[in-house]
Amino acid sequence: MRLSIRNQFPATITAVARGEVMATVRSRLAGGQEVTAAVTLEGADELELAEGQPVTVLIKATELAVATGEVGNLSIRNRIPGTIESITHGAVMTTIKVDIGGGDTLTAVITKEAAQDLGLADGDPVTALVKSTEVSLAIG
């Protein structure tokens, strides 16, 4: 199966916490970052998600936010630090490629206005932010 989702990272599950309806699944990327996904129990059971299992972490580029400087108290669990590799401005949207280590490059798409307000440039350190409910997992 091929997907249009740009951010597809091999990872290993480090923890699964089951709730009444949902589970949170923490996975470690090649660069050592931890990413948390919130999935339904039905999905977790169907995929038989367990600690130590290899998975692919999937994040839509449009579901990422980009922060500069220190990130304060937020409910967003996933804070992935990196360095901007490239910025491509379109008429209204900007595509940002971020080196997150471990040979992985993350793609974020934000408004051109936001990118300009942040003053983003190649080589800048940034933190990519994504809610755990916007992270999907795939196996196989």
N, C-alpha and C. Protein backbone atom coordinates (compact mmCIF):
# COMPACT_ATOMS: atom_id res chain seq x y z
N MET A 1 0.84 -1.16 0.00
CA MET A 1 0.00 0.00 0.00
C MET A 1 0.89 1.24 0.00
N ARG A 2 0.55 2.20 -0.84
CA ARG A 2 1.26 3.47 -0.84
C ARG A 2 0.33 4.52 -0.25
N LEU A 3 0.91 5.46 0.49
CA LEU A 3 0.14 6.49 1.16
C LEU A 3 0.64 7.87 0.74
N SER A 4 -0.25 8.85 0.78
CA SER A 4 0.14 10.22 0.48
C SER A 4 0.75 10.93 1.69
N ILE A 5 0.70 10.29 2.86
CA ILE A 5 1.25 10.90 4.07
C ILE A 5 2.77 10.99 3.94
N ARG A 6 3.30 12.20 4.02
CA ARG A 6 4.74 12.41 3.81
C ARG A 6 5.59 11.89 4.95
N ASN A 7 5.09 11.99 6.17
CA ASN A 7 5.88 11.62 7.34
C ASN A 7 5.58 10.18 7.73
N GLN A 8 6.50 9.29 7.35
CA GLN A 8 6.39 7.86 7.65
C GLN A 8 7.74 7.43 8.24
N PHE A 9 7.74 7.15 9.55
CA PHE A 9 8.98 6.87 10.24
C PHE A 9 8.97 5.49 10.88
N PRO A 10 9.99 4.66 10.62
CA PRO A 10 10.08 3.39 11.33
C PRO A 10 10.34 3.66 12.81
N ALA A 11 9.70 2.88 13.67
CA ALA A 11 9.82 3.09 15.10
C ALA A 11 9.60 1.76 15.82
N THR A 12 9.86 1.77 17.11
CA THR A 12 9.62 0.60 17.95
C THR A 12 8.76 1.03 19.13
N ILE A 13 7.71 0.27 19.40
CA ILE A 13 6.82 0.58 20.51
C ILE A 13 7.58 0.40 21.83
N THR A 14 7.49 1.43 22.69
CA THR A 14 8.14 1.36 24.00
C THR A 14 7.14 1.17 25.13
N ALA A 15 5.86 1.52 24.89
CA ALA A 15 4.85 1.36 25.94
C ALA A 15 3.45 1.45 25.34
N VAL A 16 2.54 0.68 25.91
CA VAL A 16 1.12 0.73 25.54
C VAL A 16 0.33 0.87 26.83
N ALA A 17 -0.48 1.92 26.92
CA ALA A 17 -1.35 2.13 28.08
C ALA A 17 -2.79 2.07 27.60
N ARG A 18 -3.54 1.14 28.14
CA ARG A 18 -4.92 0.93 27.70
C ARG A 18 -5.89 1.65 28.64
N GLY A 19 -6.86 2.33 28.04
CA GLY A 19 -7.94 2.96 28.79
C GLY A 19 -9.23 2.24 28.48
N GLU A 20 -10.35 2.89 28.76
CA GLU A 20 -11.65 2.27 28.53
C GLU A 20 -12.02 2.21 27.06
N VAL A 21 -11.62 3.24 26.29
CA VAL A 21 -11.98 3.32 24.88
C VAL A 21 -10.76 3.49 23.99
N MET A 22 -9.73 4.15 24.54
CA MET A 22 -8.54 4.48 23.77
C MET A 22 -7.30 3.90 24.45
N ALA A 23 -6.24 3.83 23.67
CA ALA A 23 -4.93 3.46 24.19
C ALA A 23 -3.93 4.52 23.75
N THR A 24 -2.93 4.76 24.59
CA THR A 24 -1.82 5.59 24.15
C THR A 24 -0.65 4.65 23.91
N VAL A 25 0.02 4.89 22.79
CA VAL A 25 1.12 4.03 22.37
C VAL A 25 2.34 4.92 22.15
N ARG A 26 3.39 4.68 22.95
CA ARG A 26 4.63 5.41 22.78
C ARG A 26 5.58 4.59 21.93
N SER A 27 6.22 5.28 20.96
CA SER A 27 7.17 4.62 20.07
C SER A 27 8.43 5.46 19.98
N ARG A 28 9.57 4.79 19.78
CA ARG A 28 10.85 5.49 19.66
C ARG A 28 11.28 5.48 18.19
N LEU A 29 11.59 6.68 17.68
CA LEU A 29 12.09 6.84 16.31
C LEU A 29 13.57 6.53 16.26
N ALA A 30 14.13 6.43 15.06
CA ALA A 30 15.55 6.11 14.88
C ALA A 30 16.45 7.12 15.57
N GLY A 31 16.04 8.40 15.62
CA GLY A 31 16.84 9.44 16.25
C GLY A 31 16.69 9.49 17.76
N GLY A 32 15.88 8.59 18.33
CA GLY A 32 15.70 8.51 19.77
C GLY A 32 14.50 9.25 20.31
N GLN A 33 13.81 10.03 19.47
CA GLN A 33 12.64 10.77 19.95
C GLN A 33 11.49 9.81 20.23
N GLU A 34 10.72 10.16 21.25
CA GLU A 34 9.52 9.39 21.56
C GLU A 34 8.32 10.10 20.96
N VAL A 35 7.44 9.34 20.34
CA VAL A 35 6.21 9.86 19.76
C VAL A 35 5.06 9.07 20.36
N THR A 36 4.02 9.79 20.80
CA THR A 36 2.85 9.14 21.38
C THR A 36 1.69 9.23 20.41
N ALA A 37 1.03 8.10 20.21
CA ALA A 37 -0.18 8.03 19.39
C ALA A 37 -1.35 7.63 20.27
N ALA A 38 -2.48 8.27 20.09
CA ALA A 38 -3.71 7.87 20.77
C ALA A 38 -4.55 7.11 19.74
N VAL A 39 -4.81 5.84 20.01
CA VAL A 39 -5.56 4.99 19.08
C VAL A 39 -6.73 4.34 19.81
N THR A 40 -7.73 3.95 19.05
CA THR A 40 -8.85 3.26 19.68
C THR A 40 -8.40 1.89 20.17
N LEU A 41 -9.06 1.38 21.18
CA LEU A 41 -8.73 0.02 21.66
C LEU A 41 -8.95 -0.99 20.54
N GLU A 42 -9.99 -0.78 19.76
CA GLU A 42 -10.26 -1.69 18.64
C GLU A 42 -9.07 -1.72 17.68
N GLY A 43 -8.53 -0.55 17.37
CA GLY A 43 -7.36 -0.48 16.49
C GLY A 43 -6.13 -1.11 17.12
N ALA A 44 -5.91 -0.85 18.41
CA ALA A 44 -4.76 -1.43 19.10
C ALA A 44 -4.85 -2.95 19.13
N ASP A 45 -6.06 -3.46 19.37
CA ASP A 45 -6.26 -4.92 19.41
C ASP A 45 -6.09 -5.54 18.02
N GLU A 46 -6.64 -4.87 17.01
CA GLU A 46 -6.56 -5.39 15.64
C GLU A 46 -5.10 -5.48 15.18
N LEU A 47 -4.30 -4.48 15.55
CA LEU A 47 -2.88 -4.49 15.18
C LEU A 47 -2.02 -5.27 16.16
N GLU A 48 -2.63 -5.71 17.25
CA GLU A 48 -1.92 -6.45 18.31
C GLU A 48 -0.70 -5.67 18.79
N LEU A 49 -0.90 -4.38 19.08
CA LEU A 49 0.19 -3.51 19.48
C LEU A 49 0.74 -3.90 20.84
N ALA A 50 2.07 -4.03 20.90
CA ALA A 50 2.73 -4.45 22.13
C ALA A 50 4.13 -3.86 22.19
N GLU A 51 4.64 -3.71 23.40
CA GLU A 51 5.99 -3.20 23.61
C GLU A 51 6.99 -4.05 22.82
N GLY A 52 7.94 -3.36 22.18
CA GLY A 52 8.98 -4.03 21.40
C GLY A 52 8.62 -4.25 19.94
N GLN A 53 7.38 -4.03 19.60
CA GLN A 53 6.91 -4.27 18.22
C GLN A 53 7.35 -3.14 17.29
N PRO A 54 7.85 -3.49 16.10
CA PRO A 54 8.16 -2.45 15.11
C PRO A 54 6.86 -1.92 14.49
N VAL A 55 6.81 -0.60 14.29
CA VAL A 55 5.66 0.04 13.67
C VAL A 55 6.17 1.15 12.76
N THR A 56 5.27 1.69 11.96
CA THR A 56 5.56 2.89 11.21
C THR A 56 4.68 3.99 11.78
N VAL A 57 5.31 5.08 12.19
CA VAL A 57 4.60 6.24 12.70
C VAL A 57 4.24 7.12 11.50
N LEU A 58 2.97 7.50 11.42
CA LEU A 58 2.47 8.31 10.31
C LEU A 58 1.92 9.62 10.83
N ILE A 59 2.37 10.74 10.25
CA ILE A 59 1.90 12.06 10.64
C ILE A 59 1.70 12.90 9.38
N LYS A 60 0.47 13.37 9.17
CA LYS A 60 0.21 14.25 8.03
C LYS A 60 0.96 15.56 8.22
N ALA A 61 1.56 16.05 7.14
CA ALA A 61 2.34 17.28 7.19
C ALA A 61 1.50 18.47 7.63
N THR A 62 0.22 18.45 7.31
CA THR A 62 -0.66 19.57 7.67
C THR A 62 -1.10 19.53 9.13
N GLU A 63 -0.80 18.44 9.85
CA GLU A 63 -1.17 18.32 11.26
C GLU A 63 -0.05 18.73 12.20
N LEU A 64 1.05 19.21 11.65
CA LEU A 64 2.19 19.63 12.45
C LEU A 64 2.20 21.14 12.64
N ALA A 65 2.58 21.56 13.83
CA ALA A 65 2.86 22.97 14.10
C ALA A 65 4.37 23.08 14.27
N VAL A 66 4.90 24.28 14.07
CA VAL A 66 6.33 24.51 14.20
C VAL A 66 6.54 25.62 15.23
N ALA A 67 7.43 25.38 16.19
CA ALA A 67 7.74 26.37 17.22
C ALA A 67 9.21 26.71 17.18
N THR A 68 9.51 27.96 17.50
CA THR A 68 10.89 28.39 17.67
C THR A 68 11.07 28.71 19.15
N GLY A 69 12.27 28.61 19.64
CA GLY A 69 12.52 28.88 21.05
C GLY A 69 11.98 27.77 21.93
N GLU A 70 11.95 28.05 23.22
CA GLU A 70 11.47 27.05 24.18
C GLU A 70 9.97 26.89 24.09
N VAL A 71 9.53 25.67 24.21
CA VAL A 71 8.11 25.37 24.22
C VAL A 71 7.68 25.24 25.68
N GLY A 72 6.75 26.06 26.10
CA GLY A 72 6.30 26.06 27.48
C GLY A 72 5.33 24.93 27.77
N ASN A 73 4.50 25.13 28.76
CA ASN A 73 3.52 24.14 29.15
C ASN A 73 2.40 24.06 28.12
N LEU A 74 2.28 22.90 27.52
CA LEU A 74 1.25 22.62 26.52
C LEU A 74 0.73 21.22 26.74
N SER A 75 -0.48 20.97 26.31
CA SER A 75 -1.01 19.61 26.40
C SER A 75 -0.50 18.74 25.26
N ILE A 76 0.12 19.33 24.26
CA ILE A 76 0.63 18.56 23.12
C ILE A 76 1.79 17.69 23.59
N ARG A 77 1.63 16.37 23.43
CA ARG A 77 2.61 15.40 23.93
C ARG A 77 3.85 15.31 23.04
N ASN A 78 3.66 15.44 21.75
CA ASN A 78 4.74 15.20 20.81
C ASN A 78 5.44 16.50 20.45
N ARG A 79 6.70 16.57 20.88
CA ARG A 79 7.54 17.73 20.64
C ARG A 79 8.84 17.21 20.06
N ILE A 80 8.99 17.33 18.77
CA ILE A 80 10.11 16.72 18.07
C ILE A 80 11.10 17.81 17.65
N PRO A 81 12.26 17.87 18.30
CA PRO A 81 13.25 18.90 17.95
C PRO A 81 13.98 18.55 16.66
N GLY A 82 14.39 19.59 15.95
CA GLY A 82 15.15 19.38 14.73
C GLY A 82 15.70 20.68 14.20
N THR A 83 16.28 20.58 13.00
CA THR A 83 16.89 21.72 12.34
C THR A 83 16.30 21.85 10.94
N ILE A 84 15.93 23.07 10.58
CA ILE A 84 15.33 23.28 9.25
C ILE A 84 16.36 22.98 8.17
N GLU A 85 15.99 22.08 7.24
CA GLU A 85 16.82 21.76 6.08
C GLU A 85 16.47 22.67 4.91
N SER A 86 15.16 22.89 4.72
CA SER A 86 14.73 23.73 3.60
C SER A 86 13.33 24.28 3.86
N ILE A 87 13.08 25.40 3.22
CA ILE A 87 11.77 26.06 3.30
C ILE A 87 11.36 26.40 1.87
N THR A 88 10.13 26.04 1.52
CA THR A 88 9.59 26.37 0.21
C THR A 88 8.28 27.12 0.40
N HIS A 89 8.29 28.39 0.01
CA HIS A 89 7.09 29.22 0.13
C HIS A 89 6.24 29.09 -1.13
N GLY A 90 4.96 28.81 -0.94
CA GLY A 90 4.00 28.86 -2.03
C GLY A 90 3.23 30.16 -1.91
N ALA A 91 2.14 30.26 -2.65
CA ALA A 91 1.33 31.48 -2.62
C ALA A 91 0.74 31.72 -1.23
N VAL A 92 0.25 30.65 -0.58
CA VAL A 92 -0.37 30.80 0.75
C VAL A 92 0.17 29.82 1.79
N MET A 93 0.81 28.75 1.35
CA MET A 93 1.33 27.74 2.27
C MET A 93 2.84 27.60 2.11
N THR A 94 3.49 27.18 3.19
CA THR A 94 4.93 26.96 3.20
C THR A 94 5.22 25.53 3.61
N THR A 95 6.13 24.88 2.89
CA THR A 95 6.57 23.54 3.23
C THR A 95 7.94 23.65 3.89
N ILE A 96 8.05 23.01 5.06
CA ILE A 96 9.29 23.06 5.83
C ILE A 96 9.80 21.64 6.01
N LYS A 97 11.03 21.39 5.63
CA LYS A 97 11.69 20.10 5.84
C LYS A 97 12.60 20.25 7.06
N VAL A 98 12.44 19.34 8.03
CA VAL A 98 13.18 19.42 9.28
C VAL A 98 13.96 18.13 9.50
N ASP A 99 15.28 18.26 9.67
CA ASP A 99 16.13 17.12 10.02
C ASP A 99 15.90 16.83 11.49
N ILE A 100 15.36 15.62 11.79
CA ILE A 100 15.09 15.26 13.19
C ILE A 100 16.06 14.19 13.70
N GLY A 101 17.13 13.96 12.95
CA GLY A 101 18.13 12.99 13.38
C GLY A 101 17.79 11.57 12.98
N GLY A 102 18.73 10.69 13.14
CA GLY A 102 18.52 9.28 12.81
C GLY A 102 18.26 9.04 11.34
N GLY A 103 18.64 10.02 10.50
CA GLY A 103 18.41 9.90 9.06
C GLY A 103 16.99 10.26 8.65
N ASP A 104 16.18 10.77 9.57
CA ASP A 104 14.79 11.10 9.27
C ASP A 104 14.61 12.59 9.01
N THR A 105 13.77 12.89 8.04
CA THR A 105 13.37 14.27 7.74
C THR A 105 11.87 14.36 7.86
N LEU A 106 11.42 15.31 8.64
CA LEU A 106 10.00 15.54 8.87
C LEU A 106 9.55 16.69 7.98
N THR A 107 8.35 16.58 7.41
CA THR A 107 7.79 17.65 6.58
C THR A 107 6.60 18.27 7.29
N ALA A 108 6.61 19.59 7.41
CA ALA A 108 5.49 20.33 7.98
C ALA A 108 5.00 21.31 6.94
N VAL A 109 3.68 21.47 6.86
CA VAL A 109 3.09 22.46 5.98
C VAL A 109 2.29 23.42 6.85
N ILE A 110 2.71 24.71 6.83
CA ILE A 110 2.04 25.74 7.62
C ILE A 110 1.72 26.91 6.69
N THR A 111 0.96 27.87 7.17
CA THR A 111 0.66 29.02 6.32
C THR A 111 1.93 29.82 6.08
N LYS A 112 1.97 30.43 4.91
CA LYS A 112 3.12 31.27 4.57
C LYS A 112 3.24 32.43 5.56
N GLU A 113 2.11 32.98 5.95
CA GLU A 113 2.10 34.08 6.92
C GLU A 113 2.74 33.66 8.24
N ALA A 114 2.40 32.46 8.74
CA ALA A 114 2.99 31.96 9.99
C ALA A 114 4.49 31.78 9.84
N ALA A 115 4.91 31.21 8.72
CA ALA A 115 6.35 31.00 8.50
C ALA A 115 7.09 32.33 8.48
N GLN A 116 6.50 33.34 7.84
CA GLN A 116 7.14 34.65 7.79
C GLN A 116 7.14 35.31 9.16
N ASP A 117 6.04 35.18 9.91
CA ASP A 117 5.98 35.75 11.26
C ASP A 117 7.05 35.15 12.17
N LEU A 118 7.33 33.85 12.00
CA LEU A 118 8.35 33.18 12.81
C LEU A 118 9.77 33.51 12.34
N GLY A 119 9.88 34.06 11.12
CA GLY A 119 11.20 34.39 10.59
C GLY A 119 12.06 33.16 10.34
N LEU A 120 11.43 32.08 9.91
CA LEU A 120 12.15 30.81 9.72
C LEU A 120 13.18 30.90 8.60
N ALA A 121 14.32 30.23 8.83
CA ALA A 121 15.39 30.17 7.83
C ALA A 121 16.08 28.82 7.92
N ASP A 122 16.70 28.43 6.81
CA ASP A 122 17.48 27.18 6.79
C ASP A 122 18.50 27.20 7.93
N GLY A 123 18.61 26.05 8.61
CA GLY A 123 19.57 25.92 9.70
C GLY A 123 19.02 26.28 11.06
N ASP A 124 17.83 26.88 11.10
CA ASP A 124 17.23 27.25 12.39
C ASP A 124 16.80 26.02 13.18
N PRO A 125 17.02 26.03 14.50
CA PRO A 125 16.46 24.97 15.34
C PRO A 125 14.97 25.23 15.55
N VAL A 126 14.16 24.19 15.45
CA VAL A 126 12.72 24.29 15.65
C VAL A 126 12.24 23.06 16.40
N THR A 127 11.01 23.14 16.88
CA THR A 127 10.35 21.98 17.47
C THR A 127 9.06 21.76 16.72
N ALA A 128 8.89 20.56 16.19
CA ALA A 128 7.64 20.19 15.53
C ALA A 128 6.69 19.67 16.61
N LEU A 129 5.45 20.14 16.57
CA LEU A 129 4.46 19.78 17.57
C LEU A 129 3.29 19.07 16.89
N VAL A 130 2.84 17.97 17.50
CA VAL A 130 1.67 17.26 16.96
C VAL A 130 0.93 16.58 18.10
N LYS A 131 -0.38 16.74 18.09
CA LYS A 131 -1.21 16.10 19.11
C LYS A 131 -1.17 14.59 18.91
N SER A 132 -1.25 13.84 20.00
CA SER A 132 -1.19 12.39 19.91
C SER A 132 -2.37 11.81 19.13
N THR A 133 -3.48 12.52 19.11
CA THR A 133 -4.65 12.05 18.34
C THR A 133 -4.46 12.20 16.84
N GLU A 134 -3.40 12.89 16.43
CA GLU A 134 -3.12 13.09 14.99
C GLU A 134 -1.99 12.19 14.50
N VAL A 135 -1.54 11.28 15.34
CA VAL A 135 -0.49 10.33 14.97
C VAL A 135 -1.15 8.98 14.73
N SER A 136 -0.84 8.36 13.59
CA SER A 136 -1.35 7.04 13.27
C SER A 136 -0.19 6.05 13.27
N LEU A 137 -0.53 4.77 13.44
CA LEU A 137 0.47 3.70 13.44
C LEU A 137 0.10 2.66 12.40
N ALA A 138 1.12 2.11 11.76
CA ALA A 138 0.92 1.04 10.79
C ALA A 138 1.89 -0.09 11.10
N ILE A 139 1.49 -1.31 10.77
CA ILE A 139 2.39 -2.45 10.93
C ILE A 139 2.48 -3.16 9.59
N GLY A 140 3.54 -3.99 9.49
CA GLY A 140 3.68 -4.83 8.31
C GLY A 140 4.28 -4.15 7.20
